[in-house]
């Protein structure tokens, strides 16, 4: 019987194959078994739907999560950035900061990816100041 440890691996495989229909079937099974509230399972669902271009469904999963961690925020910001919803990625980054969640280098790279597509000078300067305040200016990843 699958559980909250095995579901994320299966969902990741579906995401990697862009197998949205199979992923939806697994999501239905997850709901029936009650694991949709597990943060690791929910994070993998956000990634699945984002990678398959169903950003609205990914956001619905994100919004319904009773608990979010940094990976949750990163997955949704990345989903927006990769699907050319840069404005939403930046808005979510702002919400993340308001919620008191500290960014990591992955967050910054995702936000920079969104900025490249949409942001003007003010947004880029704001992101640069966030990088400096977070201490990531010397990070090779960023």
C-alpha atoms as a PDB file:
ATOM      1  CA  UNK A   1       0.000   0.000   0.000  1.00  0.00           C
ATOM      2  CA  UNK A   2       1.528   3.371  -1.009  1.00  0.00           C
ATOM      3  CA  UNK A   3       2.070   5.956   1.702  1.00  0.00           C
ATOM      4  CA  UNK A   4       3.340   9.494   2.183  1.00  0.00           C
ATOM      5  CA  UNK A   5       6.893   8.303   1.493  1.00  0.00           C
ATOM      6  CA  UNK A   6       6.190   6.433  -1.748  1.00  0.00           C
ATOM      7  CA  UNK A   7       3.639   8.796  -3.309  1.00  0.00           C
ATOM      8  CA  UNK A   8       6.150  11.638  -3.919  1.00  0.00           C
ATOM      9  CA  UNK A   9       8.441   9.291  -5.876  1.00  0.00           C
ATOM     10  CA  UNK A  10       5.588   8.081  -8.077  1.00  0.00           C
ATOM     11  CA  UNK A  11       4.359  11.641  -8.631  1.00  0.00           C
ATOM     12  CA  UNK A  12       7.901  12.782  -9.476  1.00  0.00           C
ATOM     13  CA  UNK A  13       8.100  10.036 -12.102  1.00  0.00           C
ATOM     14  CA  UNK A  14       4.821  11.234 -13.629  1.00  0.00           C
ATOM     15  CA  UNK A  15       6.105  14.812 -13.655  1.00  0.00           C
ATOM     16  CA  UNK A  16       9.360  13.751 -15.306  1.00  0.00           C
ATOM     17  CA  UNK A  17       7.410  11.963 -18.031  1.00  0.00           C
ATOM     18  CA  UNK A  18       4.829  14.767 -18.355  1.00  0.00           C
ATOM     19  CA  UNK A  19       2.249  12.059 -17.626  1.00  0.00           C
ATOM     20  CA  UNK A  20      -0.522  14.371 -16.444  1.00  0.00           C
ATOM     21  CA  UNK A  21      -3.394  11.880 -16.752  1.00  0.00           C
ATOM     22  CA  UNK A  22      -1.535   9.257 -14.729  1.00  0.00           C
ATOM     23  CA  UNK A  23      -0.614  11.937 -12.204  1.00  0.00           C
ATOM     24  CA  UNK A  24      -4.260  12.950 -11.863  1.00  0.00           C
ATOM     25  CA  UNK A  25      -5.233   9.316 -11.264  1.00  0.00           C
ATOM     26  CA  UNK A  26      -2.597   9.070  -8.543  1.00  0.00           C
ATOM     27  CA  UNK A  27      -3.809  12.375  -7.078  1.00  0.00           C
ATOM     28  CA  UNK A  28      -7.331  10.908  -6.883  1.00  0.00           C
ATOM     29  CA  UNK A  29      -5.919   7.881  -5.053  1.00  0.00           C
ATOM     30  CA  UNK A  30      -4.005  10.179  -2.698  1.00  0.00           C
ATOM     31  CA  UNK A  31      -7.236  12.011  -1.832  1.00  0.00           C
ATOM     32  CA  UNK A  32      -9.054   8.713  -1.214  1.00  0.00           C
ATOM     33  CA  UNK A  33      -6.302   7.566   1.145  1.00  0.00           C
ATOM     34  CA  UNK A  34      -6.063  10.916   2.963  1.00  0.00           C
ATOM     35  CA  UNK A  35      -2.440  11.734   2.164  1.00  0.00           C
ATOM     36  CA  UNK A  36      -3.201  14.983   0.307  1.00  0.00           C
ATOM     37  CA  UNK A  37      -2.463  16.957   3.493  1.00  0.00           C
ATOM     38  CA  UNK A  38       1.081  15.626   3.834  1.00  0.00           C
ATOM     39  CA  UNK A  39       3.523  18.420   2.953  1.00  0.00           C
ATOM     40  CA  UNK A  40       5.850  16.132   0.962  1.00  0.00           C
ATOM     41  CA  UNK A  41       2.976  14.697  -1.066  1.00  0.00           C
ATOM     42  CA  UNK A  42       1.453  18.140  -1.657  1.00  0.00           C
ATOM     43  CA  UNK A  43       4.826  19.582  -2.726  1.00  0.00           C
ATOM     44  CA  UNK A  44       5.214  16.822  -5.292  1.00  0.00           C
ATOM     45  CA  UNK A  45       1.690  17.506  -6.598  1.00  0.00           C
ATOM     46  CA  UNK A  46       2.509  21.211  -7.007  1.00  0.00           C
ATOM     47  CA  UNK A  47       5.586  20.219  -9.015  1.00  0.00           C
ATOM     48  CA  UNK A  48       3.640  17.695 -11.108  1.00  0.00           C
ATOM     49  CA  UNK A  49       0.935  20.127 -12.129  1.00  0.00           C
ATOM     50  CA  UNK A  50       3.417  22.951 -12.741  1.00  0.00           C
ATOM     51  CA  UNK A  51       5.682  20.817 -14.921  1.00  0.00           C
ATOM     52  CA  UNK A  52       2.674  19.615 -16.905  1.00  0.00           C
ATOM     53  CA  UNK A  53       1.471  23.196 -17.498  1.00  0.00           C
ATOM     54  CA  UNK A  54      -1.531  23.056 -15.138  1.00  0.00           C
ATOM     55  CA  UNK A  55      -0.431  26.011 -13.031  1.00  0.00           C
ATOM     56  CA  UNK A  56      -3.968  26.799 -11.832  1.00  0.00           C
ATOM     57  CA  UNK A  57      -4.298  23.287 -10.389  1.00  0.00           C
ATOM     58  CA  UNK A  58      -0.830  23.585  -8.841  1.00  0.00           C
ATOM     59  CA  UNK A  59      -1.887  26.846  -7.177  1.00  0.00           C
ATOM     60  CA  UNK A  60      -5.101  25.228  -5.934  1.00  0.00           C
ATOM     61  CA  UNK A  61      -3.060  22.451  -4.290  1.00  0.00           C
ATOM     62  CA  UNK A  62      -0.668  25.064  -2.852  1.00  0.00           C
ATOM     63  CA  UNK A  63      -3.513  27.173  -1.460  1.00  0.00           C
ATOM     64  CA  UNK A  64      -5.158  24.149   0.192  1.00  0.00           C
ATOM     65  CA  UNK A  65      -1.970  23.024   1.948  1.00  0.00           C
ATOM     66  CA  UNK A  66      -2.480  23.270   5.723  1.00  0.00           C
ATOM     67  CA  UNK A  67       1.296  23.424   6.175  1.00  0.00           C
ATOM     68  CA  UNK A  68       3.881  24.857   3.783  1.00  0.00           C
ATOM     69  CA  UNK A  69       7.636  24.649   3.939  1.00  0.00           C
ATOM     70  CA  UNK A  70      10.302  26.390   1.867  1.00  0.00           C
ATOM     71  CA  UNK A  71      10.056  23.646  -0.765  1.00  0.00           C
ATOM     72  CA  UNK A  72       6.334  24.418  -1.152  1.00  0.00           C
ATOM     73  CA  UNK A  73       7.013  28.078  -1.869  1.00  0.00           C
ATOM     74  CA  UNK A  74       9.936  27.266  -4.185  1.00  0.00           C
ATOM     75  CA  UNK A  75       7.879  24.737  -6.151  1.00  0.00           C
ATOM     76  CA  UNK A  76       5.049  27.188  -6.749  1.00  0.00           C
ATOM     77  CA  UNK A  77       7.340  30.129  -7.575  1.00  0.00           C
ATOM     78  CA  UNK A  78       9.262  27.899  -9.990  1.00  0.00           C
ATOM     79  CA  UNK A  79       5.990  26.674 -11.506  1.00  0.00           C
ATOM     80  CA  UNK A  80       4.951  30.226 -12.236  1.00  0.00           C
ATOM     81  CA  UNK A  81       8.378  31.169 -13.613  1.00  0.00           C
ATOM     82  CA  UNK A  82       8.644  28.107 -15.875  1.00  0.00           C
ATOM     83  CA  UNK A  83       5.162  28.661 -17.284  1.00  0.00           C
ATOM     84  CA  UNK A  84       5.761  32.361 -18.051  1.00  0.00           C
ATOM     85  CA  UNK A  85       3.707  33.738 -15.157  1.00  0.00           C
ATOM     86  CA  UNK A  86       6.484  35.980 -13.911  1.00  0.00           C
ATOM     87  CA  UNK A  87       4.176  38.524 -12.291  1.00  0.00           C
ATOM     88  CA  UNK A  88       2.550  35.805 -10.191  1.00  0.00           C
ATOM     89  CA  UNK A  89       5.974  34.413  -9.259  1.00  0.00           C
ATOM     90  CA  UNK A  90       7.047  37.821  -7.949  1.00  0.00           C
ATOM     91  CA  UNK A  91       3.756  38.321  -6.087  1.00  0.00           C
ATOM     92  CA  UNK A  92       4.129  34.920  -4.454  1.00  0.00           C
ATOM     93  CA  UNK A  93       7.725  35.736  -3.511  1.00  0.00           C
ATOM     94  CA  UNK A  94       6.461  38.883  -1.789  1.00  0.00           C
ATOM     95  CA  UNK A  95       3.791  36.835   0.018  1.00  0.00           C
ATOM     96  CA  UNK A  96       6.481  34.382   1.083  1.00  0.00           C
ATOM     97  CA  UNK A  97       8.492  37.202   2.624  1.00  0.00           C
ATOM     98  CA  UNK A  98       5.410  38.602   4.369  1.00  0.00           C
ATOM     99  CA  UNK A  99       4.759  35.108   5.768  1.00  0.00           C
ATOM    100  CA  UNK A 100       8.253  35.229   7.280  1.00  0.00           C
ATOM    101  CA  UNK A 101       9.701  32.419   5.162  1.00  0.00           C
ATOM    102  CA  UNK A 102      13.387  33.020   4.453  1.00  0.00           C
ATOM    103  CA  UNK A 103      14.492  32.441   0.850  1.00  0.00           C
ATOM    104  CA  UNK A 104      17.337  30.132  -0.073  1.00  0.00           C
ATOM    105  CA  UNK A 105      19.485  30.139  -3.235  1.00  0.00           C
ATOM    106  CA  UNK A 106      16.865  28.025  -5.058  1.00  0.00           C
ATOM    107  CA  UNK A 107      14.230  30.665  -4.300  1.00  0.00           C
ATOM    108  CA  UNK A 108      16.469  33.424  -5.617  1.00  0.00           C
ATOM    109  CA  UNK A 109      17.247  31.543  -8.846  1.00  0.00           C
ATOM    110  CA  UNK A 110      13.519  30.915  -9.395  1.00  0.00           C
ATOM    111  CA  UNK A 111      12.711  34.581  -8.820  1.00  0.00           C
ATOM    112  CA  UNK A 112      15.535  35.673 -11.117  1.00  0.00           C
ATOM    113  CA  UNK A 113      14.151  33.355 -13.787  1.00  0.00           C
ATOM    114  CA  UNK A 114      10.780  35.081 -13.463  1.00  0.00           C
ATOM    115  CA  UNK A 115      12.415  38.523 -13.526  1.00  0.00           C
ATOM    116  CA  UNK A 116      14.283  37.866 -16.739  1.00  0.00           C
ATOM    117  CA  UNK A 117      10.966  37.484 -18.517  1.00  0.00           C
ATOM    118  CA  UNK A 118       8.932  40.337 -17.080  1.00  0.00           C
ATOM    119  CA  UNK A 119      10.587  42.567 -14.565  1.00  0.00           C
ATOM    120  CA  UNK A 120      11.560  46.145 -15.068  1.00  0.00           C
ATOM    121  CA  UNK A 121      14.459  47.886 -13.421  1.00  0.00           C
ATOM    122  CA  UNK A 122      12.628  48.450 -10.108  1.00  0.00           C
ATOM    123  CA  UNK A 123      11.831  44.755  -9.684  1.00  0.00           C
ATOM    124  CA  UNK A 124      15.381  43.758 -10.581  1.00  0.00           C
ATOM    125  CA  UNK A 125      16.784  46.224  -8.056  1.00  0.00           C
ATOM    126  CA  UNK A 126      14.368  44.879  -5.428  1.00  0.00           C
ATOM    127  CA  UNK A 127      15.473  41.289  -6.131  1.00  0.00           C
ATOM    128  CA  UNK A 128      19.120  42.378  -5.969  1.00  0.00           C
ATOM    129  CA  UNK A 129      18.529  43.950  -2.555  1.00  0.00           C
ATOM    130  CA  UNK A 130      16.840  40.710  -1.393  1.00  0.00           C
ATOM    131  CA  UNK A 131      19.895  38.742  -2.530  1.00  0.00           C
ATOM    132  CA  UNK A 132      22.204  41.032  -0.565  1.00  0.00           C
ATOM    133  CA  UNK A 133      19.977  41.034   2.558  1.00  0.00           C
ATOM    134  CA  UNK A 134      19.793  37.237   2.438  1.00  0.00           C
ATOM    135  CA  UNK A 135      23.566  36.927   2.159  1.00  0.00           C
ATOM    136  CA  UNK A 136      23.489  35.090  -1.167  1.00  0.00           C
ATOM    137  CA  UNK A 137      25.511  37.581  -3.235  1.00  0.00           C
ATOM    138  CA  UNK A 138      28.598  35.339  -3.051  1.00  0.00           C
ATOM    139  CA  UNK A 139      26.665  32.106  -3.654  1.00  0.00           C
ATOM    140  CA  UNK A 140      27.850  30.440  -6.869  1.00  0.00           C
ATOM    141  CA  UNK A 141      24.378  28.970  -7.394  1.00  0.00           C
ATOM    142  CA  UNK A 142      22.836  32.466  -7.498  1.00  0.00           C
END
